[in-house]
PDB file of N, CA and C in Angstrom:
ATOM      1  N   MET A   1     -20.187  -0.336  10.445  1.00  0.00           N
ATOM      2  CA  MET A   1     -19.651  -0.345   9.223  1.00  0.00           C
ATOM      3  C   MET A   1     -18.154  -1.245   9.022  1.00  0.00           C
ATOM      4  N   GLN A   2     -17.964  -1.744   8.259  1.00  0.00           N
ATOM      5  CA  GLN A   2     -16.830  -2.759   8.174  1.00  0.00           C
ATOM      6  C   GLN A   2     -15.368  -1.713   7.696  1.00  0.00           C
ATOM      7  N   ARG A   3     -14.245  -2.299   8.724  1.00  0.00           N
ATOM      8  CA  ARG A   3     -13.400  -1.274   8.184  1.00  0.00           C
ATOM      9  C   ARG A   3     -12.591  -2.537   8.125  1.00  0.00           C
ATOM     10  N   TRP A   4     -11.603  -2.255   7.109  1.00  0.00           N
ATOM     11  CA  TRP A   4     -10.510  -2.944   6.607  1.00  0.00           C
ATOM     12  C   TRP A   4      -9.239  -2.945   7.519  1.00  0.00           C
ATOM     13  N   LYS A   5      -8.836  -4.326   7.489  1.00  0.00           N
ATOM     14  CA  LYS A   5      -7.540  -3.773   8.139  1.00  0.00           C
ATOM     15  C   LYS A   5      -6.440  -3.536   7.237  1.00  0.00           C
ATOM     16  N   ILE A   6      -5.140  -2.645   7.830  1.00  0.00           N
ATOM     17  CA  ILE A   6      -4.242  -2.243   6.782  1.00  0.00           C
ATOM     18  C   ILE A   6      -3.029  -2.802   7.627  1.00  0.00           C
ATOM     19  N   ALA A   7      -1.970  -3.701   6.633  1.00  0.00           N
ATOM     20  CA  ALA A   7      -0.855  -4.146   7.266  1.00  0.00           C
ATOM     21  C   ALA A   7       0.464  -3.839   6.455  1.00  0.00           C
ATOM     22  N   PHE A   8       1.524  -3.500   6.940  1.00  0.00           N
ATOM     23  CA  PHE A   8       2.476  -3.565   6.000  1.00  0.00           C
ATOM     24  C   PHE A   8       3.561  -4.400   6.104  1.00  0.00           C
ATOM     25  N   TYR A   9       3.603  -5.213   5.117  1.00  0.00           N
ATOM     26  CA  TYR A   9       4.748  -6.312   4.943  1.00  0.00           C
ATOM     27  C   TYR A   9       5.703  -6.345   5.308  1.00  0.00           C
ATOM     28  N   GLU A  10       6.469  -7.395   6.006  1.00  0.00           N
ATOM     29  CA  GLU A  10       7.846  -7.278   6.683  1.00  0.00           C
ATOM     30  C   GLU A  10       8.698  -8.039   5.968  1.00  0.00           C
ATOM     31  N   ASN A  11       9.558  -7.543   5.627  1.00  0.00           N
ATOM     32  CA  ASN A  11      10.828  -8.305   4.857  1.00  0.00           C
ATOM     33  C   ASN A  11      11.558  -9.102   5.617  1.00  0.00           C
ATOM     34  N   GLU A  12      12.606  -9.947   5.055  1.00  0.00           N
ATOM     35  CA  GLU A  12      13.286 -10.846   5.821  1.00  0.00           C
ATOM     36  C   GLU A  12      14.321 -10.202   6.846  1.00  0.00           C
ATOM     37  N   ASP A  13      14.722  -8.898   6.425  1.00  0.00           N
ATOM     38  CA  ASP A  13      15.724  -8.113   7.706  1.00  0.00           C
ATOM     39  C   ASP A  13      14.570  -7.749   8.673  1.00  0.00           C
ATOM     40  N   GLY A  14      13.311  -7.845   8.714  1.00  0.00           N
ATOM     41  CA  GLY A  14      12.398  -6.939   9.655  1.00  0.00           C
ATOM     42  C   GLY A  14      12.083  -5.591   9.557  1.00  0.00           C
ATOM     43  N   ASN A  15      12.332  -5.297   8.489  1.00  0.00           N
ATOM     44  CA  ASN A  15      11.718  -4.056   8.080  1.00  0.00           C
ATOM     45  C   ASN A  15      10.705  -3.843   6.922  1.00  0.00           C
ATOM     46  N   TYR A  16       9.925  -2.969   7.441  1.00  0.00           N
ATOM     47  CA  TYR A  16       8.545  -2.577   6.479  1.00  0.00           C
ATOM     48  C   TYR A  16       8.598  -1.451   5.126  1.00  0.00           C
ATOM     49  N   PRO A  17       9.081  -1.784   4.348  1.00  0.00           N
ATOM     50  CA  PRO A  17       9.300  -1.133   3.395  1.00  0.00           C
ATOM     51  C   PRO A  17       8.386   0.035   3.169  1.00  0.00           C
ATOM     52  N   VAL A  18       6.808  -0.125   3.259  1.00  0.00           N
ATOM     53  CA  VAL A  18       5.745   0.962   3.032  1.00  0.00           C
ATOM     54  C   VAL A  18       6.238   1.881   4.161  1.00  0.00           C
ATOM     55  N   GLN A  19       5.863   1.359   5.333  1.00  0.00           N
ATOM     56  CA  GLN A  19       6.480   2.231   6.547  1.00  0.00           C
ATOM     57  C   GLN A  19       7.507   2.886   6.065  1.00  0.00           C
ATOM     58  N   ASP A  20       9.077   2.797   5.728  1.00  0.00           N
ATOM     59  CA  ASP A  20      10.089   3.304   5.782  1.00  0.00           C
ATOM     60  C   ASP A  20       9.704   4.439   4.724  1.00  0.00           C
ATOM     61  N   TYR A  21       8.936   4.094   3.441  1.00  0.00           N
ATOM     62  CA  TYR A  21       8.423   4.893   2.601  1.00  0.00           C
ATOM     63  C   TYR A  21       7.871   6.291   3.382  1.00  0.00           C
ATOM     64  N   LEU A  22       6.922   5.964   4.012  1.00  0.00           N
ATOM     65  CA  LEU A  22       5.919   7.023   4.430  1.00  0.00           C
ATOM     66  C   LEU A  22       6.498   7.690   5.681  1.00  0.00           C
ATOM     67  N   PHE A  23       8.026   7.247   6.486  1.00  0.00           N
ATOM     68  CA  PHE A  23       8.443   8.161   7.387  1.00  0.00           C
ATOM     69  C   PHE A  23       9.823   8.329   6.958  1.00  0.00           C
ATOM     70  N   ASP A  24      10.240   8.146   5.746  1.00  0.00           N
ATOM     71  CA  ASP A  24      11.195   8.703   5.613  1.00  0.00           C
ATOM     72  C   ASP A  24      11.832  10.441   5.322  1.00  0.00           C
ATOM     73  N   GLY A  25      11.128  10.976   5.764  1.00  0.00           N
ATOM     74  CA  GLY A  25      11.358  12.465   5.814  1.00  0.00           C
ATOM     75  C   GLY A  25      10.469  13.374   4.914  1.00  0.00           C
ATOM     76  N   LYS A  26       9.472  12.636   4.358  1.00  0.00           N
ATOM     77  CA  LYS A  26       8.767  13.728   3.547  1.00  0.00           C
ATOM     78  C   LYS A  26       8.229  14.705   4.541  1.00  0.00           C
ATOM     79  N   ASN A  27       8.026  16.004   3.584  1.00  0.00           N
ATOM     80  CA  ASN A  27       7.419  17.102   4.232  1.00  0.00           C
ATOM     81  C   ASN A  27       5.918  16.361   4.622  1.00  0.00           C
ATOM     82  N   GLU A  28       5.357  17.461   5.487  1.00  0.00           N
ATOM     83  CA  GLU A  28       4.296  16.956   6.488  1.00  0.00           C
ATOM     84  C   GLU A  28       3.298  16.754   5.320  1.00  0.00           C
ATOM     85  N   THR A  29       2.580  17.735   4.302  1.00  0.00           N
ATOM     86  CA  THR A  29       1.945  17.866   3.340  1.00  0.00           C
ATOM     87  C   THR A  29       1.901  16.552   2.152  1.00  0.00           C
ATOM     88  N   ASP A  30       2.762  15.764   2.277  1.00  0.00           N
ATOM     89  CA  ASP A  30       2.966  14.839   1.489  1.00  0.00           C
ATOM     90  C   ASP A  30       2.506  13.407   2.265  1.00  0.00           C
ATOM     91  N   PHE A  31       2.896  13.353   3.280  1.00  0.00           N
ATOM     92  CA  PHE A  31       2.600  12.520   4.411  1.00  0.00           C
ATOM     93  C   PHE A  31       1.007  12.669   4.719  1.00  0.00           C
ATOM     94  N   ILE A  32       0.273  13.514   5.069  1.00  0.00           N
ATOM     95  CA  ILE A  32      -1.196  13.545   5.132  1.00  0.00           C
ATOM     96  C   ILE A  32      -1.571  13.044   3.848  1.00  0.00           C
ATOM     97  N   VAL A  33      -1.384  13.463   2.714  1.00  0.00           N
ATOM     98  CA  VAL A  33      -1.770  13.182   1.658  1.00  0.00           C
ATOM     99  C   VAL A  33      -1.706  11.898   1.238  1.00  0.00           C
ATOM    100  N   ILE A  34      -0.752  11.037   1.623  1.00  0.00           N
ATOM    101  CA  ILE A  34      -0.544   9.469   1.507  1.00  0.00           C
ATOM    102  C   ILE A  34      -1.202   8.791   2.473  1.00  0.00           C
ATOM    103  N   PHE A  35      -1.399   9.535   3.352  1.00  0.00           N
ATOM    104  CA  PHE A  35      -2.021   8.804   4.560  1.00  0.00           C
ATOM    105  C   PHE A  35      -3.611   8.667   4.544  1.00  0.00           C
ATOM    106  N   ASN A  36      -3.776   9.635   4.055  1.00  0.00           N
ATOM    107  CA  ASN A  36      -5.459  10.004   3.658  1.00  0.00           C
ATOM    108  C   ASN A  36      -5.786   9.024   2.693  1.00  0.00           C
ATOM    109  N   VAL A  37      -5.293   8.584   1.984  1.00  0.00           N
ATOM    110  CA  VAL A  37      -5.802   7.644   0.671  1.00  0.00           C
ATOM    111  C   VAL A  37      -5.814   5.955   1.260  1.00  0.00           C
ATOM    112  N   ILE A  38      -4.646   5.720   2.123  1.00  0.00           N
ATOM    113  CA  ILE A  38      -4.422   4.468   3.154  1.00  0.00           C
ATOM    114  C   ILE A  38      -5.947   4.578   4.113  1.00  0.00           C
ATOM    115  N   GLN A  39      -6.285   5.652   4.544  1.00  0.00           N
ATOM    116  CA  GLN A  39      -7.404   5.712   5.323  1.00  0.00           C
ATOM    117  C   GLN A  39      -8.419   5.490   4.809  1.00  0.00           C
ATOM    118  N   ARG A  40      -8.474   6.092   3.493  1.00  0.00           N
ATOM    119  CA  ARG A  40      -9.841   5.580   2.835  1.00  0.00           C
ATOM    120  C   ARG A  40      -9.905   4.195   2.208  1.00  0.00           C
ATOM    121  N   LEU A  41      -8.947   3.462   2.043  1.00  0.00           N
ATOM    122  CA  LEU A  41      -8.424   2.033   1.559  1.00  0.00           C
ATOM    123  C   LEU A  41      -9.119   1.467   2.856  1.00  0.00           C
ATOM    124  N   SER A  42      -8.755   1.893   4.170  1.00  0.00           N
ATOM    125  CA  SER A  42      -9.235   1.132   5.479  1.00  0.00           C
ATOM    126  C   SER A  42     -10.928   1.216   5.517  1.00  0.00           C
ATOM    127  N   ARG A  43     -11.378   2.143   5.124  1.00  0.00           N
ATOM    128  CA  ARG A  43     -12.726   2.574   5.364  1.00  0.00           C
ATOM    129  C   ARG A  43     -13.805   1.776   3.905  1.00  0.00           C
ATOM    130  N   ILE A  44     -13.335   2.019   2.899  1.00  0.00           N
ATOM    131  CA  ILE A  44     -13.935   1.493   1.845  1.00  0.00           C
ATOM    132  C   ILE A  44     -13.520   0.467   0.965  1.00  0.00           C
ATOM    133  N   GLY A  45     -12.551   0.172   1.154  1.00  0.00           N
ATOM    134  CA  GLY A  45     -11.773  -1.226   0.632  1.00  0.00           C
ATOM    135  C   GLY A  45     -11.870  -1.004  -0.986  1.00  0.00           C
ATOM    136  N   GLN A  46     -12.062  -2.074  -1.794  1.00  0.00           N
ATOM    137  CA  GLN A  46     -11.579  -2.074  -2.958  1.00  0.00           C
ATOM    138  C   GLN A  46     -13.030  -1.150  -3.888  1.00  0.00           C
ATOM    139  N   TYR A  47     -13.880  -0.662  -3.111  1.00  0.00           N
ATOM    140  CA  TYR A  47     -14.579   0.194  -3.931  1.00  0.00           C
ATOM    141  C   TYR A  47     -13.649   1.761  -4.124  1.00  0.00           C
ATOM    142  N   LEU A  48     -12.750   1.555  -3.594  1.00  0.00           N
ATOM    143  CA  LEU A  48     -11.566   2.542  -4.320  1.00  0.00           C
ATOM    144  C   LEU A  48     -11.052   2.591  -5.278  1.00  0.00           C
ATOM    145  N   LEU A  49     -11.150   1.745  -5.806  1.00  0.00           N
ATOM    146  CA  LEU A  49     -11.258   0.841  -7.644  1.00  0.00           C
ATOM    147  C   LEU A  49     -12.036   1.979  -8.772  1.00  0.00           C
ATOM    148  N   ASP A  50     -13.089   2.052  -7.667  1.00  0.00           N
ATOM    149  CA  ASP A  50     -13.810   3.070  -9.021  1.00  0.00           C
ATOM    150  C   ASP A  50     -13.824   4.724  -8.801  1.00  0.00           C
ATOM    151  N   THR A  51     -12.532   4.836  -7.840  1.00  0.00           N
ATOM    152  CA  THR A  51     -11.825   6.198  -8.020  1.00  0.00           C
ATOM    153  C   THR A  51     -10.570   6.628  -8.818  1.00  0.00           C
ATOM    154  N   ASN A  52      -9.726   7.695  -8.859  1.00  0.00           N
ATOM    155  CA  ASN A  52      -8.527   7.601  -9.533  1.00  0.00           C
ATOM    156  C   ASN A  52      -7.854   7.408  -8.429  1.00  0.00           C
ATOM    157  N   MET A  53      -7.956   7.134  -7.237  1.00  0.00           N
ATOM    158  CA  MET A  53      -6.602   6.466  -6.221  1.00  0.00           C
ATOM    159  C   MET A  53      -6.431   5.423  -6.111  1.00  0.00           C
ATOM    160  N   ALA A  54      -6.993   4.342  -6.969  1.00  0.00           N
ATOM    161  CA  ALA A  54      -6.400   3.213  -7.102  1.00  0.00           C
ATOM    162  C   ALA A  54      -6.598   2.765  -8.483  1.00  0.00           C
ATOM    163  N   LYS A  55      -6.227   1.554  -8.814  1.00  0.00           N
ATOM    164  CA  LYS A  55      -5.865   0.996 -10.052  1.00  0.00           C
ATOM    165  C   LYS A  55      -5.633  -0.660  -9.546  1.00  0.00           C
ATOM    166  N   ARG A  56      -6.362  -1.559 -10.457  1.00  0.00           N
ATOM    167  CA  ARG A  56      -5.978  -2.724 -10.507  1.00  0.00           C
ATOM    168  C   ARG A  56      -4.326  -3.162 -11.731  1.00  0.00           C
ATOM    169  N   LEU A  57      -3.544  -3.691 -10.998  1.00  0.00           N
ATOM    170  CA  LEU A  57      -2.080  -3.810 -11.687  1.00  0.00           C
ATOM    171  C   LEU A  57      -2.070  -4.760 -12.933  1.00  0.00           C
ATOM    172  N   GLY A  58      -2.932  -6.066 -12.097  1.00  0.00           N
ATOM    173  CA  GLY A  58      -2.880  -7.435 -12.613  1.00  0.00           C
ATOM    174  C   GLY A  58      -2.491  -8.234 -11.641  1.00  0.00           C
ATOM    175  N   GLY A  59      -3.189  -9.486 -12.118  1.00  0.00           N
ATOM    176  CA  GLY A  59      -2.946 -10.692 -10.851  1.00  0.00           C
ATOM    177  C   GLY A  59      -3.456 -10.169  -9.626  1.00  0.00           C
ATOM    178  N   ASP A  60      -3.034 -10.460  -8.304  1.00  0.00           N
ATOM    179  CA  ASP A  60      -3.357  -9.726  -7.180  1.00  0.00           C
ATOM    180  C   ASP A  60      -2.915  -8.412  -6.635  1.00  0.00           C
ATOM    181  N   LEU A  61      -2.017  -7.687  -7.455  1.00  0.00           N
ATOM    182  CA  LEU A  61      -1.663  -6.399  -7.287  1.00  0.00           C
ATOM    183  C   LEU A  61      -2.556  -5.104  -7.652  1.00  0.00           C
ATOM    184  N   TYR A  62      -2.539  -4.321  -6.607  1.00  0.00           N
ATOM    185  CA  TYR A  62      -3.306  -3.345  -6.968  1.00  0.00           C
ATOM    186  C   TYR A  62      -2.405  -1.969  -6.549  1.00  0.00           C
ATOM    187  N   GLU A  63      -2.559  -0.648  -6.892  1.00  0.00           N
ATOM    188  CA  GLU A  63      -2.002   0.464  -6.767  1.00  0.00           C
ATOM    189  C   GLU A  63      -2.507   1.331  -6.230  1.00  0.00           C
ATOM    190  N   LEU A  64      -2.363   1.966  -4.961  1.00  0.00           N
ATOM    191  CA  LEU A  64      -2.697   3.328  -4.540  1.00  0.00           C
ATOM    192  C   LEU A  64      -2.131   4.263  -4.785  1.00  0.00           C
ATOM    193  N   ARG A  65      -3.149   5.281  -5.405  1.00  0.00           N
ATOM    194  CA  ARG A  65      -2.370   6.556  -6.190  1.00  0.00           C
ATOM    195  C   ARG A  65      -2.731   7.943  -5.811  1.00  0.00           C
ATOM    196  N   LYS A  66      -1.736   8.387  -5.357  1.00  0.00           N
ATOM    197  CA  LYS A  66      -1.910  10.154  -5.186  1.00  0.00           C
ATOM    198  C   LYS A  66      -0.993  10.952  -5.334  1.00  0.00           C
ATOM    199  N   ASN A  67      -1.218  11.917  -6.042  1.00  0.00           N
ATOM    200  CA  ASN A  67      -0.163  12.833  -6.785  1.00  0.00           C
ATOM    201  C   ASN A  67       0.753  11.996  -7.473  1.00  0.00           C
ATOM    202  N   ARG A  68       2.064  11.808  -7.163  1.00  0.00           N
ATOM    203  CA  ARG A  68       3.061  10.892  -7.815  1.00  0.00           C
ATOM    204  C   ARG A  68       3.235   9.784  -6.812  1.00  0.00           C
ATOM    205  N   HIS A  69       3.019   9.667  -5.742  1.00  0.00           N
ATOM    206  CA  HIS A  69       3.336   8.672  -4.939  1.00  0.00           C
ATOM    207  C   HIS A  69       2.328   7.282  -5.209  1.00  0.00           C
ATOM    208  N   ARG A  70       2.986   6.170  -4.864  1.00  0.00           N
ATOM    209  CA  ARG A  70       2.075   5.132  -5.410  1.00  0.00           C
ATOM    210  C   ARG A  70       2.640   3.883  -4.035  1.00  0.00           C
ATOM    211  N   ILE A  71       1.794   3.169  -3.836  1.00  0.00           N
ATOM    212  CA  ILE A  71       1.725   2.090  -2.919  1.00  0.00           C
ATOM    213  C   ILE A  71       1.079   0.911  -3.558  1.00  0.00           C
ATOM    214  N   ILE A  72       1.946  -0.146  -3.898  1.00  0.00           N
ATOM    215  CA  ILE A  72       1.134  -1.368  -4.265  1.00  0.00           C
ATOM    216  C   ILE A  72       0.663  -2.538  -3.089  1.00  0.00           C
ATOM    217  N   TYR A  73      -0.126  -2.980  -3.469  1.00  0.00           N
ATOM    218  CA  TYR A  73      -0.952  -3.575  -2.257  1.00  0.00           C
ATOM    219  C   TYR A  73      -1.667  -4.555  -2.986  1.00  0.00           C
ATOM    220  N   ALA A  74      -2.040  -5.668  -2.064  1.00  0.00           N
ATOM    221  CA  ALA A  74      -2.707  -6.864  -2.408  1.00  0.00           C
ATOM    222  C   ALA A  74      -3.576  -7.358  -1.036  1.00  0.00           C
ATOM    223  N   GLN A  75      -4.966  -7.794  -1.569  1.00  0.00           N
ATOM    224  CA  GLN A  75      -5.914  -8.200  -0.301  1.00  0.00           C
ATOM    225  C   GLN A  75      -5.615  -9.494  -0.092  1.00  0.00           C
ATOM    226  N   ASP A  76      -5.854  -9.799   1.236  1.00  0.00           N
ATOM    227  CA  ASP A  76      -5.723 -11.269   2.162  1.00  0.00           C
ATOM    228  C   ASP A  76      -6.830 -11.162   3.052  1.00  0.00           C
ATOM    229  N   GLY A  77      -7.815 -11.602   2.457  1.00  0.00           N
ATOM    230  CA  GLY A  77      -9.146 -11.501   3.411  1.00  0.00           C
ATOM    231  C   GLY A  77      -9.929 -10.365   3.492  1.00  0.00           C
ATOM    232  N   ASP A  78      -9.799  -9.805   4.797  1.00  0.00           N
ATOM    233  CA  ASP A  78     -10.371  -8.784   5.162  1.00  0.00           C
ATOM    234  C   ASP A  78      -9.203  -7.553   5.580  1.00  0.00           C
ATOM    235  N   ARG A  79      -7.967  -7.957   4.943  1.00  0.00           N
ATOM    236  CA  ARG A  79      -6.962  -7.085   5.120  1.00  0.00           C
ATOM    237  C   ARG A  79      -6.238  -6.775   4.175  1.00  0.00           C
ATOM    238  N   PHE A  80      -5.464  -5.764   3.986  1.00  0.00           N
ATOM    239  CA  PHE A  80      -4.869  -5.196   2.643  1.00  0.00           C
ATOM    240  C   PHE A  80      -2.823  -5.191   3.070  1.00  0.00           C
ATOM    241  N   ILE A  81      -2.691  -6.019   2.436  1.00  0.00           N
ATOM    242  CA  ILE A  81      -0.921  -5.726   2.867  1.00  0.00           C
ATOM    243  C   ILE A  81      -0.433  -4.970   1.575  1.00  0.00           C
ATOM    244  N   LEU A  82       0.311  -3.923   2.410  1.00  0.00           N
ATOM    245  CA  LEU A  82       1.068  -2.813   1.608  1.00  0.00           C
ATOM    246  C   LEU A  82       2.391  -3.617   1.287  1.00  0.00           C
ATOM    247  N   LEU A  83       2.689  -3.228   0.004  1.00  0.00           N
ATOM    248  CA  LEU A  83       3.542  -4.318  -0.306  1.00  0.00           C
ATOM    249  C   LEU A  83       5.237  -3.195  -0.330  1.00  0.00           C
ATOM    250  N   SER A  84       4.917  -2.647  -1.329  1.00  0.00           N
ATOM    251  CA  SER A  84       5.728  -1.436  -1.738  1.00  0.00           C
ATOM    252  C   SER A  84       5.482  -0.226  -1.909  1.00  0.00           C
ATOM    253  N   ALA A  85       6.103   0.765  -1.786  1.00  0.00           N
ATOM    254  CA  ALA A  85       5.913   2.207  -2.435  1.00  0.00           C
ATOM    255  C   ALA A  85       6.999   2.548  -3.178  1.00  0.00           C
ATOM    256  N   PHE A  86       6.646   3.877  -3.848  1.00  0.00           N
ATOM    257  CA  PHE A  86       7.943   4.498  -4.562  1.00  0.00           C
ATOM    258  C   PHE A  86       6.883   5.945  -4.960  1.00  0.00           C
ATOM    259  N   LEU A  87       8.117   6.898  -5.700  1.00  0.00           N
ATOM    260  CA  LEU A  87       7.726   7.925  -6.117  1.00  0.00           C
ATOM    261  C   LEU A  87       7.626   7.751  -7.615  1.00  0.00           C
ATOM    262  N   LYS A  88       6.378   7.966  -8.274  1.00  0.00           N
ATOM    263  CA  LYS A  88       6.295   7.874  -9.638  1.00  0.00           C
ATOM    264  C   LYS A  88       6.977   8.872 -10.607  1.00  0.00           C
ATOM    265  N   LYS A  89       7.546   8.372 -11.347  1.00  0.00           N
ATOM    266  CA  LYS A  89       8.321   9.544 -12.162  1.00  0.00           C
ATOM    267  C   LYS A  89       7.900   9.594 -13.877  1.00  0.00           C
ATOM    268  N   THR A  90       7.516   8.343 -14.233  1.00  0.00           N
ATOM    269  CA  THR A  90       7.312   8.267 -15.241  1.00  0.00           C
ATOM    270  C   THR A  90       5.771   7.900 -15.893  1.00  0.00           C
ATOM    271  N   GLN A  91       5.211   7.550 -16.806  1.00  0.00           N
ATOM    272  CA  GLN A  91       3.711   7.397 -17.277  1.00  0.00           C
ATOM    273  C   GLN A  91       3.332   5.976 -16.919  1.00  0.00           C
ATOM    274  N   LYS A  92       4.273   4.949 -16.855  1.00  0.00           N
ATOM    275  CA  LYS A  92       3.694   3.918 -16.437  1.00  0.00           C
ATOM    276  C   LYS A  92       4.662   3.188 -15.434  1.00  0.00           C
ATOM    277  N   THR A  93       4.180   2.087 -14.637  1.00  0.00           N
ATOM    278  CA  THR A  93       4.232   1.791 -13.244  1.00  0.00           C
ATOM    279  C   THR A  93       5.692   0.885 -13.658  1.00  0.00           C
ATOM    280  N   PRO A  94       6.903   1.466 -12.955  1.00  0.00           N
ATOM    281  CA  PRO A  94       8.169   0.593 -13.611  1.00  0.00           C
ATOM    282  C   PRO A  94       8.114  -0.930 -13.186  1.00  0.00           C
ATOM    283  N   THR A  95       8.560  -1.615 -14.361  1.00  0.00           N
ATOM    284  CA  THR A  95       8.723  -2.717 -14.035  1.00  0.00           C
ATOM    285  C   THR A  95       9.184  -3.708 -12.704  1.00  0.00           C
ATOM    286  N   LYS A  96      10.687  -2.601 -12.582  1.00  0.00           N
ATOM    287  CA  LYS A  96      11.192  -3.279 -11.295  1.00  0.00           C
ATOM    288  C   LYS A  96      10.371  -3.330 -10.408  1.00  0.00           C
ATOM    289  N   GLU A  97       9.277  -2.030 -10.335  1.00  0.00           N
ATOM    290  CA  GLU A  97       8.722  -1.902  -8.752  1.00  0.00           C
ATOM    291  C   GLU A  97       7.758  -2.941  -8.883  1.00  0.00           C
ATOM    292  N   LEU A  98       6.745  -3.535 -10.089  1.00  0.00           N
ATOM    293  CA  LEU A  98       6.063  -4.563 -10.016  1.00  0.00           C
ATOM    294  C   LEU A  98       6.707  -5.910  -9.726  1.00  0.00           C
ATOM    295  N   ILE A  99       8.308  -6.232 -10.024  1.00  0.00           N
ATOM    296  CA  ILE A  99       8.692  -7.365  -9.776  1.00  0.00           C
ATOM    297  C   ILE A  99       9.048  -7.114  -8.190  1.00  0.00           C
ATOM    298  N   ARG A 100       9.333  -6.197  -7.426  1.00  0.00           N
ATOM    299  CA  ARG A 100       9.538  -6.241  -6.013  1.00  0.00           C
ATOM    300  C   ARG A 100       8.478  -6.426  -5.499  1.00  0.00           C
ATOM    301  N   ALA A 101       7.252  -5.955  -5.943  1.00  0.00           N
ATOM    302  CA  ALA A 101       6.118  -6.006  -5.403  1.00  0.00           C
ATOM    303  C   ALA A 101       5.525  -7.366  -5.437  1.00  0.00           C
ATOM    304  N   LYS A 102       5.673  -8.125  -6.540  1.00  0.00           N
ATOM    305  CA  LYS A 102       5.366  -9.572  -6.728  1.00  0.00           C
ATOM    306  C   LYS A 102       6.049 -10.454  -5.708  1.00  0.00           C
ATOM    307  N   LYS A 103       7.471 -10.062  -5.480  1.00  0.00           N
ATOM    308  CA  LYS A 103       8.447 -11.117  -4.581  1.00  0.00           C
ATOM    309  C   LYS A 103       8.146 -10.809  -3.321  1.00  0.00           C
ATOM    310  N   HIS A 104       7.761  -9.542  -2.573  1.00  0.00           N
ATOM    311  CA  HIS A 104       7.231  -9.230  -1.394  1.00  0.00           C
ATOM    312  C   HIS A 104       6.012 -10.089  -1.335  1.00  0.00           C
ATOM    313  N   LEU A 105       4.945  -9.972  -2.261  1.00  0.00           N
ATOM    314  CA  LEU A 105       3.554 -11.030  -2.000  1.00  0.00           C
ATOM    315  C   LEU A 105       3.957 -12.246  -1.631  1.00  0.00           C
ATOM    316  N   GLU A 106       5.020 -13.015  -2.483  1.00  0.00           N
ATOM    317  CA  GLU A 106       5.100 -14.393  -2.558  1.00  0.00           C
ATOM    318  C   GLU A 106       5.917 -14.589  -1.084  1.00  0.00           C
ATOM    319  N   LYS A 107       6.788 -13.760  -0.626  1.00  0.00           N
ATOM    320  CA  LYS A 107       7.438 -14.086   0.709  1.00  0.00           C
ATOM    321  C   LYS A 107       6.056 -13.892   1.708  1.00  0.00           C
ATOM    322  N   TYR A 108       5.632 -12.952   1.717  1.00  0.00           N
ATOM    323  CA  TYR A 108       4.187 -12.712   2.500  1.00  0.00           C
ATOM    324  C   TYR A 108       3.409 -14.302   2.632  1.00  0.00           C
ATOM    325  N   ARG A 109       3.005 -14.495   1.509  1.00  0.00           N
ATOM    326  CA  ARG A 109       2.184 -15.852   1.742  1.00  0.00           C
ATOM    327  C   ARG A 109       2.989 -17.045   2.175  1.00  0.00           C
ATOM    328  N   LYS A 110       4.220 -16.984   1.949  1.00  0.00           N
ATOM    329  CA  LYS A 110       5.231 -17.917   2.599  1.00  0.00           C
ATOM    330  C   LYS A 110       4.977 -17.841   4.225  1.00  0.00           C
ATOM    331  N   THR A 111       5.594 -16.827   4.389  1.00  0.00           N
ATOM    332  CA  THR A 111       5.567 -16.344   5.881  1.00  0.00           C
ATOM    333  C   THR A 111       4.586 -15.830   6.845  1.00  0.00           C
ATOM    334  N   GLY A 112       4.009 -15.239   6.119  1.00  0.00           N
ATOM    335  CA  GLY A 112       2.786 -14.290   6.936  1.00  0.00           C
ATOM    336  C   GLY A 112       2.982 -13.130   7.857  1.00  0.00           C
ATOM    337  N   LYS A 113       4.371 -12.924   7.394  1.00  0.00           N
ATOM    338  CA  LYS A 113       4.751 -11.602   8.167  1.00  0.00           C
ATOM    339  C   LYS A 113       4.513 -10.301   7.880  1.00  0.00           C
ATOM    340  N   CYS A 114       3.952  -9.681   8.912  1.00  0.00           N
ATOM    341  CA  CYS A 114       3.575  -8.470   8.492  1.00  0.00           C
ATOM    342  C   CYS A 114       3.058  -7.664   9.856  1.00  0.00           C
ATOM    343  N   LEU A 115       2.935  -6.340   9.861  1.00  0.00           N
ATOM    344  CA  LEU A 115       2.662  -5.507  10.949  1.00  0.00           C
ATOM    345  C   LEU A 115       1.302  -4.830  10.574  1.00  0.00           C
ATOM    346  N   GLU A 116       0.443  -5.269  11.737  1.00  0.00           N
ATOM    347  CA  GLU A 116      -1.022  -4.499  11.176  1.00  0.00           C
ATOM    348  C   GLU A 116      -1.020  -3.170  11.816  1.00  0.00           C
ATOM    349  N   PHE A 117      -1.524  -2.546  11.304  1.00  0.00           N
ATOM    350  CA  PHE A 117      -1.609  -1.233  11.346  1.00  0.00           C
ATOM    351  C   PHE A 117      -3.149  -0.468  11.673  1.00  0.00           C
ATOM    352  N   ASN A 118      -3.273  -0.224  13.069  1.00  0.00           N
ATOM    353  CA  ASN A 118      -4.831   0.621  13.205  1.00  0.00           C
ATOM    354  C   ASN A 118      -5.077   1.874  12.444  1.00  0.00           C
ATOM    355  N   ILE A 119      -5.834   1.927  11.742  1.00  0.00           N
ATOM    356  CA  ILE A 119      -6.101   3.371  10.988  1.00  0.00           C
ATOM    357  C   ILE A 119      -7.128   4.365  11.688  1.00  0.00           C
ATOM    358  N   PRO A 120      -6.493   5.261  12.416  1.00  0.00           N
ATOM    359  CA  PRO A 120      -7.411   5.977  13.105  1.00  0.00           C
ATOM    360  C   PRO A 120      -8.397   6.500  12.459  1.00  0.00           C
ATOM    361  N   ASP A 121      -9.669   6.856  12.618  1.00  0.00           N
ATOM    362  CA  ASP A 121     -10.949   7.475  12.001  1.00  0.00           C
ATOM    363  C   ASP A 121     -10.692   9.215  12.045  1.00  0.00           C
ATOM    364  N   SER A 122     -10.936   9.599  10.613  1.00  0.00           N
ATOM    365  CA  SER A 122     -10.711  10.931   9.981  1.00  0.00           C
ATOM    366  C   SER A 122     -11.482  11.646  11.285  1.00  0.00           C
ATOM    367  N   ARG A 123     -12.647  11.381  11.603  1.00  0.00           N
ATOM    368  CA  ARG A 123     -13.475  12.082  12.169  1.00  0.00           C
ATOM    369  C   ARG A 123     -12.776  12.652  13.547  1.00  0.00           C
TER     370      ARG A 123
END
């Protein structure tokens, strides 16, 4: 079975915004919930769009969704680049988050900087 690669976008400061979001001291339950959605993306790819865990935002951007946590990502071949993450507080995805993710995607396409993350099997 094909496994999709997952990578964290690396910004100009050498930081990984989504990785920082994941490990910012959230309680363990939140971390597990978010990690499980990323793990599913790795296993089934864009078929996740057929569930309520992912949504197309337009252009090349997609959103992983679980509870109020959101991760905006893009596909690059057999790899998904996790671009930005935030805690959703309104019905609609905030414009500033979309702009941030688009800028990250543009920078990624110019530099190719990212950190691949090996997602362990859930079994």
